[in-house]
Protein backbone atom coordinates (compact mmCIF):
# COMPACT_ATOMS: atom_id res chain seq x y z
CA UNK A 1 -8.77 -10.71 13.25
CA UNK A 2 -10.54 -10.27 9.90
CA UNK A 3 -11.85 -12.76 7.35
CA UNK A 4 -13.76 -11.20 4.45
CA UNK A 5 -13.95 -8.12 2.24
CA UNK A 6 -16.57 -6.61 -0.08
CA UNK A 7 -16.50 -3.69 -2.53
CA UNK A 8 -19.69 -3.33 -4.60
CA UNK A 9 -18.21 -0.32 -6.39
CA UNK A 10 -14.93 1.60 -6.49
CA UNK A 11 -15.67 3.71 -3.41
CA UNK A 12 -17.63 1.72 -0.82
CA UNK A 13 -16.10 -1.20 1.04
CA UNK A 14 -16.70 -3.42 4.06
CA UNK A 15 -14.55 -5.85 6.06
CA UNK A 16 -15.77 -8.26 8.76
CA UNK A 17 -14.09 -10.19 11.54
CA UNK A 18 -14.04 -11.29 15.16
CA UNK A 19 -16.60 -10.24 17.76
CA UNK A 20 -19.12 -9.13 15.13
CA UNK A 21 -16.78 -6.43 13.91
CA UNK A 22 -17.77 -4.56 10.71
CA UNK A 23 -15.69 -1.74 9.23
CA UNK A 24 -16.84 0.49 6.37
CA UNK A 25 -14.96 2.71 3.93
CA UNK A 26 -16.43 5.48 1.80
CA UNK A 27 -13.16 6.46 0.11
CA UNK A 28 -11.98 3.29 -1.68
CA UNK A 29 -10.29 1.91 1.42
CA UNK A 30 -8.20 4.88 2.50
CA UNK A 31 -10.06 5.22 5.83
CA UNK A 32 -12.37 2.91 7.76
CA UNK A 33 -15.07 3.41 10.40
CA UNK A 34 -16.77 0.90 12.71
CA UNK A 35 -20.42 0.02 12.11
CA UNK A 36 -22.49 -1.67 14.87
CA UNK A 37 -23.56 -5.15 13.75
CA UNK A 38 -25.86 -6.21 16.65
CA UNK A 39 -23.74 -9.37 17.04
CA UNK A 40 -20.67 -10.41 19.00
CA UNK A 41 -20.16 -13.57 16.96
CA UNK A 42 -17.29 -13.96 14.53
CA UNK A 43 -18.33 -12.93 11.01
CA UNK A 44 -16.73 -15.04 8.27
CA UNK A 45 -18.21 -13.72 5.02
CA UNK A 46 -19.72 -10.55 3.56
CA UNK A 47 -21.27 -9.40 0.28
CA UNK A 48 -22.86 -6.18 -0.95
CA UNK A 49 -24.83 -6.03 -4.18
CA UNK A 50 -24.91 -2.22 -4.04
CA UNK A 51 -23.63 0.58 -1.82
CA UNK A 52 -26.80 0.18 0.26
CA UNK A 53 -27.72 -3.51 0.33
CA UNK A 54 -25.51 -6.13 1.93
CA UNK A 55 -25.18 -9.12 4.25
CA UNK A 56 -22.60 -10.70 6.53
CA UNK A 57 -22.67 -14.10 8.24
CA UNK A 58 -20.64 -16.27 10.56
CA UNK A 59 -20.63 -18.26 13.76
CA UNK A 60 -23.60 -19.45 15.84
CA UNK A 61 -26.10 -19.28 12.98
CA UNK A 62 -25.63 -15.52 12.64
CA UNK A 63 -26.69 -13.46 9.61
CA UNK A 64 -26.86 -9.66 9.62
CA UNK A 65 -28.22 -7.50 6.81
CA UNK A 66 -28.44 -3.83 5.95
CA UNK A 67 -30.48 -1.79 3.48
CA UNK A 68 -28.88 1.58 4.18
CA UNK A 69 -25.18 0.98 3.64
CA UNK A 70 -24.58 -0.26 7.16
CA UNK A 71 -26.17 2.65 8.98
CA UNK A 72 -28.39 0.05 10.61
CA UNK A 73 -28.12 -3.75 10.61
CA UNK A 74 -30.78 -6.36 11.30
CA UNK A 75 -29.96 -9.70 12.89
CA UNK A 76 -31.55 -12.99 11.82
CA UNK A 77 -30.97 -16.66 12.65
CA UNK A 78 -32.02 -18.83 9.67
CA UNK A 79 -34.02 -21.97 10.54
CA UNK A 80 -32.96 -25.59 10.14
CA UNK A 81 -29.77 -27.47 10.90
CA UNK A 82 -27.58 -27.28 14.00
CA UNK A 83 -28.05 -24.08 15.97
CA UNK A 84 -24.28 -23.69 16.35
CA UNK A 85 -23.49 -23.91 12.65
CA UNK A 86 -21.01 -21.45 11.16
CA UNK A 87 -21.74 -19.85 7.82
CA UNK A 88 -18.53 -20.04 5.81
CA UNK A 89 -19.61 -18.50 2.49
CA UNK A 90 -22.39 -16.46 0.95
CA UNK A 91 -23.37 -15.42 -2.55
CA UNK A 92 -26.23 -13.21 -3.65
CA UNK A 93 -27.18 -13.27 -7.32
CA UNK A 94 -29.18 -10.04 -7.01
CA UNK A 95 -31.04 -8.07 -4.35
CA UNK A 96 -33.45 -10.94 -3.64
CA UNK A 97 -31.79 -14.30 -4.33
CA UNK A 98 -28.96 -15.50 -2.09
CA UNK A 99 -27.27 -18.57 -0.65
CA UNK A 100 -25.21 -19.37 2.46
CA UNK A 101 -22.97 -22.41 2.94
CA UNK A 102 -22.13 -23.71 6.41
CA UNK A 103 -19.78 -26.01 8.29
CA UNK A 104 -22.28 -28.88 8.58
CA UNK A 105 -22.47 -29.41 4.83
CA UNK A 106 -25.72 -27.59 4.11
CA UNK A 107 -27.04 -24.46 2.46
CA UNK A 108 -29.70 -21.91 3.32
CA UNK A 109 -31.50 -19.95 0.63
CA UNK A 110 -33.49 -16.73 0.46
CA UNK A 111 -35.72 -15.42 -2.31
CA UNK A 112 -36.76 -12.22 -0.58
CA UNK A 113 -33.53 -10.40 0.21
CA UNK A 114 -32.82 -12.22 3.45
CA UNK A 115 -36.13 -11.62 5.21
CA UNK A 116 -36.86 -15.37 5.24
CA UNK A 117 -34.62 -18.39 4.67
CA UNK A 118 -35.08 -22.04 3.69
CA UNK A 119 -32.59 -24.71 4.79
CA UNK A 120 -31.13 -27.49 2.62
CA UNK A 121 -29.29 -29.71 5.09
CA UNK A 122 -27.18 -32.81 4.54
CA UNK A 123 -25.96 -31.97 1.04
CA UNK A 124 -22.36 -32.85 1.94
CA UNK A 125 -20.52 -34.53 4.80
CA UNK A 126 -18.06 -31.68 5.17
CA UNK A 127 -18.01 -27.92 5.57
CA UNK A 128 -19.06 -25.94 2.51
CA UNK A 129 -16.41 -23.23 2.19
CA UNK A 130 -17.45 -21.52 -1.06
CA UNK A 131 -20.67 -20.80 -2.95
CA UNK A 132 -20.89 -19.27 -6.42
CA UNK A 133 -23.94 -18.57 -8.62
CA UNK A 134 -23.88 -17.26 -12.17
CA UNK A 135 -27.59 -16.50 -12.04
CA UNK A 136 -30.67 -17.61 -10.13
CA UNK A 137 -30.54 -21.06 -11.74
CA UNK A 138 -26.88 -22.08 -12.09
CA UNK A 139 -24.63 -22.42 -9.06
CA UNK A 140 -21.94 -24.41 -7.30
CA UNK A 141 -20.88 -25.11 -3.71
CA UNK A 142 -17.46 -26.42 -2.70
CA UNK A 143 -16.62 -28.64 0.28
CA UNK A 144 -13.38 -28.39 2.20
CA UNK A 145 -12.43 -31.98 1.34
CA UNK A 146 -13.34 -31.83 -2.35
CA UNK A 147 -17.09 -32.37 -2.46
CA UNK A 148 -18.52 -30.28 -5.31
CA UNK A 149 -22.24 -29.58 -5.65
CA UNK A 150 -23.85 -28.21 -8.83
CA UNK A 151 -27.38 -27.03 -9.56
CA UNK A 152 -29.00 -25.89 -12.78
CA UNK A 153 -32.53 -25.38 -11.47
CA UNK A 154 -32.11 -22.81 -8.72
CA UNK A 155 -31.20 -25.31 -6.01
CA UNK A 156 -34.19 -27.62 -6.31
CA UNK A 157 -31.77 -30.40 -7.24
CA UNK A 158 -28.04 -30.71 -6.63
CA UNK A 159 -25.62 -33.01 -8.46
CA UNK A 160 -22.68 -34.10 -6.32
CA UNK A 161 -19.20 -35.21 -7.29
CA UNK A 162 -15.99 -35.92 -5.41
CA UNK A 163 -12.82 -34.36 -6.76
CA UNK A 164 -9.86 -36.71 -6.85
CA UNK A 165 -6.67 -35.25 -5.39
CA UNK A 166 -4.38 -38.13 -6.27
CA UNK A 167 -1.47 -38.03 -6.88
CA UNK A 168 -1.44 -34.36 -5.85
CA UNK A 169 -0.69 -33.27 -2.29
CA UNK A 170 -3.89 -31.41 -1.35
CA UNK A 171 -4.73 -30.65 2.27
CA UNK A 172 -8.05 -28.97 1.54
CA UNK A 173 -10.12 -26.97 -0.92
CA UNK A 174 -10.65 -23.29 -0.15
CA UNK A 175 -12.48 -21.28 -2.82
CA UNK A 176 -14.06 -21.34 -6.27
CA UNK A 177 -14.63 -18.81 -9.04
CA UNK A 178 -16.40 -18.93 -12.40
CA UNK A 179 -15.66 -16.52 -15.21
CA UNK A 180 -18.77 -17.52 -17.18
CA UNK A 181 -20.99 -20.54 -17.71
CA UNK A 182 -18.07 -22.70 -18.82
CA UNK A 183 -14.78 -21.56 -17.31
CA UNK A 184 -14.04 -21.95 -13.61
CA UNK A 185 -11.28 -22.62 -11.07
CA UNK A 186 -10.90 -24.09 -7.59
CA UNK A 187 -8.45 -22.92 -4.93
CA UNK A 188 -6.53 -25.49 -2.87
CA UNK A 189 -4.07 -25.73 0.01
CA UNK A 190 -0.91 -27.80 -0.27
CA UNK A 191 -0.61 -30.70 2.17
CA UNK A 192 1.85 -30.34 5.02
CA UNK A 193 3.42 -33.60 3.88
CA UNK A 194 4.03 -32.29 0.34
CA UNK A 195 7.57 -32.09 -0.95
CA UNK A 196 9.50 -28.88 -0.41
CA UNK A 197 8.57 -26.35 -3.05
CA UNK A 198 5.48 -28.27 -4.22
CA UNK A 199 2.64 -25.85 -4.87
CA UNK A 200 -1.10 -26.61 -4.58
CA UNK A 201 -2.74 -27.93 -7.77
CA UNK A 202 -4.93 -25.62 -9.84
CA UNK A 203 -8.20 -27.37 -10.72
CA UNK A 204 -10.03 -25.94 -13.72
CA UNK A 205 -13.13 -26.64 -15.79
CA UNK A 206 -14.18 -25.65 -19.29
CA UNK A 207 -17.62 -27.30 -19.27
CA UNK A 208 -19.40 -25.56 -16.42
CA UNK A 209 -18.06 -27.80 -13.67
CA UNK A 210 -19.18 -31.15 -15.03
CA UNK A 211 -15.56 -32.27 -15.30
CA UNK A 212 -12.40 -30.92 -13.66
CA UNK A 213 -8.71 -31.40 -14.35
CA UNK A 214 -5.45 -30.21 -12.83
CA UNK A 215 -4.23 -27.52 -15.24
CA UNK A 216 -1.10 -26.59 -13.32
CA UNK A 217 -0.32 -25.18 -9.90
CA UNK A 218 -1.18 -22.14 -7.86
CA UNK A 219 1.73 -20.12 -6.49
CA UNK A 220 2.52 -20.33 -2.77
CA UNK A 221 1.00 -22.89 -0.44
CA UNK A 222 -2.56 -21.80 0.44
CA UNK A 223 -4.96 -20.07 -1.95
CA UNK A 224 -7.65 -17.93 -0.26
CA UNK A 225 -9.29 -16.14 -3.22
CA UNK A 226 -9.36 -16.16 -7.03
CA UNK A 227 -10.41 -13.51 -9.55
CA UNK A 228 -10.15 -13.65 -13.36
CA UNK A 229 -11.04 -10.74 -15.62
CA UNK A 230 -10.87 -12.98 -18.69
CA UNK A 231 -9.47 -16.39 -19.58
CA UNK A 232 -5.88 -15.09 -19.41
CA UNK A 233 -5.72 -12.27 -16.86
CA UNK A 234 -6.20 -13.26 -13.23
CA UNK A 235 -5.08 -12.96 -9.63
CA UNK A 236 -4.93 -15.26 -6.61
CA UNK A 237 -4.59 -14.34 -2.96
CA UNK A 238 -2.27 -16.58 -0.99
CA UNK A 239 -0.85 -16.66 2.52
CA UNK A 240 2.24 -14.76 1.41
CA UNK A 241 0.60 -12.12 -0.74
CA UNK A 242 -1.00 -11.54 -4.13
CA UNK A 243 0.00 -13.11 -7.46
CA UNK A 244 -1.01 -12.20 -11.02
CA UNK A 245 -1.07 -14.12 -14.29
CA UNK A 246 -1.40 -12.86 -17.86
CA UNK A 247 -1.32 -16.28 -19.53
CA UNK A 248 -4.17 -18.20 -17.92
CA UNK A 249 -2.14 -19.44 -14.98
CA UNK A 250 0.85 -20.93 -16.78
CA UNK A 251 3.08 -18.43 -15.00
CA UNK A 252 2.59 -16.15 -12.00
CA UNK A 253 4.23 -12.95 -10.77
CA UNK A 254 4.02 -11.75 -7.17
CA UNK A 255 2.43 -8.29 -7.05
CA UNK A 256 2.14 -8.00 -3.27
CA UNK A 257 4.26 -9.33 -0.43
CA UNK A 258 2.18 -9.13 2.74
CA UNK A 259 5.16 -9.68 5.02
CA UNK A 260 3.95 -12.83 6.73
CA UNK A 261 0.46 -11.48 7.39
CA UNK A 262 -1.76 -13.91 5.42
CA UNK A 263 -4.00 -12.46 2.72
CA UNK A 264 -7.45 -13.86 3.51
CA UNK A 265 -9.67 -12.11 0.95
CA UNK A 266 -9.51 -10.27 -2.36
CA UNK A 267 -12.04 -8.50 -4.58
CA UNK A 268 -11.81 -6.61 -7.86
CA UNK A 269 -14.06 -3.93 -9.33
CA UNK A 270 -12.55 -4.47 -12.77
CA UNK A 271 -9.25 -5.52 -14.35
CA UNK A 272 -7.39 -2.49 -13.01
CA UNK A 273 -8.76 -1.89 -9.52
CA UNK A 274 -8.84 -4.35 -6.63
CA UNK A 275 -8.39 -4.77 -2.89
CA UNK A 276 -6.75 -7.38 -0.66
CA UNK A 277 -7.36 -7.95 3.07
CA UNK A 278 -4.90 -9.51 5.52
CA UNK A 279 -5.69 -11.48 8.65
CA UNK A 280 -4.76 -8.57 10.94
CA UNK A 281 -6.88 -6.07 8.99
CA UNK A 282 -4.50 -4.36 6.58
CA UNK A 283 -6.20 -3.45 3.29
CA UNK A 284 -4.14 -3.07 0.13
CA UNK A 285 -5.49 -1.32 -2.97
CA UNK A 286 -4.41 -2.03 -6.55
CA UNK A 287 -5.09 0.74 -9.06
CA UNK A 288 -3.61 0.72 -12.57
């Protein structure tokens, strides 16, 4: 099974999954080839900042990195925290500065392109499932139960808040995305106990994450990824497929029906070209 997808440009892509599996495409996703990762652990997240430089991370404290487009990978185990932690999310601001969030509520940070790491443990009492940085100073990390961390000094200090889900039926939080320093969104999953047809609430912010409100609802039942090209035009990946909005989320149109194979990841190069990954490894390309 597969969990994450990265395209740093319109040609080169990577997907990661079970048993340390890494697949690479050189032709915008038309064909894929296996790359050896040096790990047999499940990889849960991946990011490339260029066609050469990238990282993937996952179970059992595993991080792998490459500087030659995946021709060779190096394996590291960042210090600190439980040795069996699972890295759930990663975000690199540039070639040097990056962050990883893990299932024990902490972060690890590198300033030298992943050669060395520093642990920040105990930031939350729940798994951190998403990390997003606008630049080396401003960033956010999202917990699965609604803990939201925010830093404006490069992670030296973190402000914490708890998002209220009442009276909305939220089972968990899944992802976050910022368009700029002010506008951002959080992805949620609808609770199993929610009424038939009730969709997960769409949390949004217009002040850089200091305050959040429910602006409407996401389509479907479980949002896995969010991407907005501007304040109006956006997409969300959901268990049943891919949805698009042209009015800031007030209405949604299904663009892709994945046929019961959950869409687990989505990336865009720009407003016209994007890719979606399903749990079983199908990759869909959008090109308009």
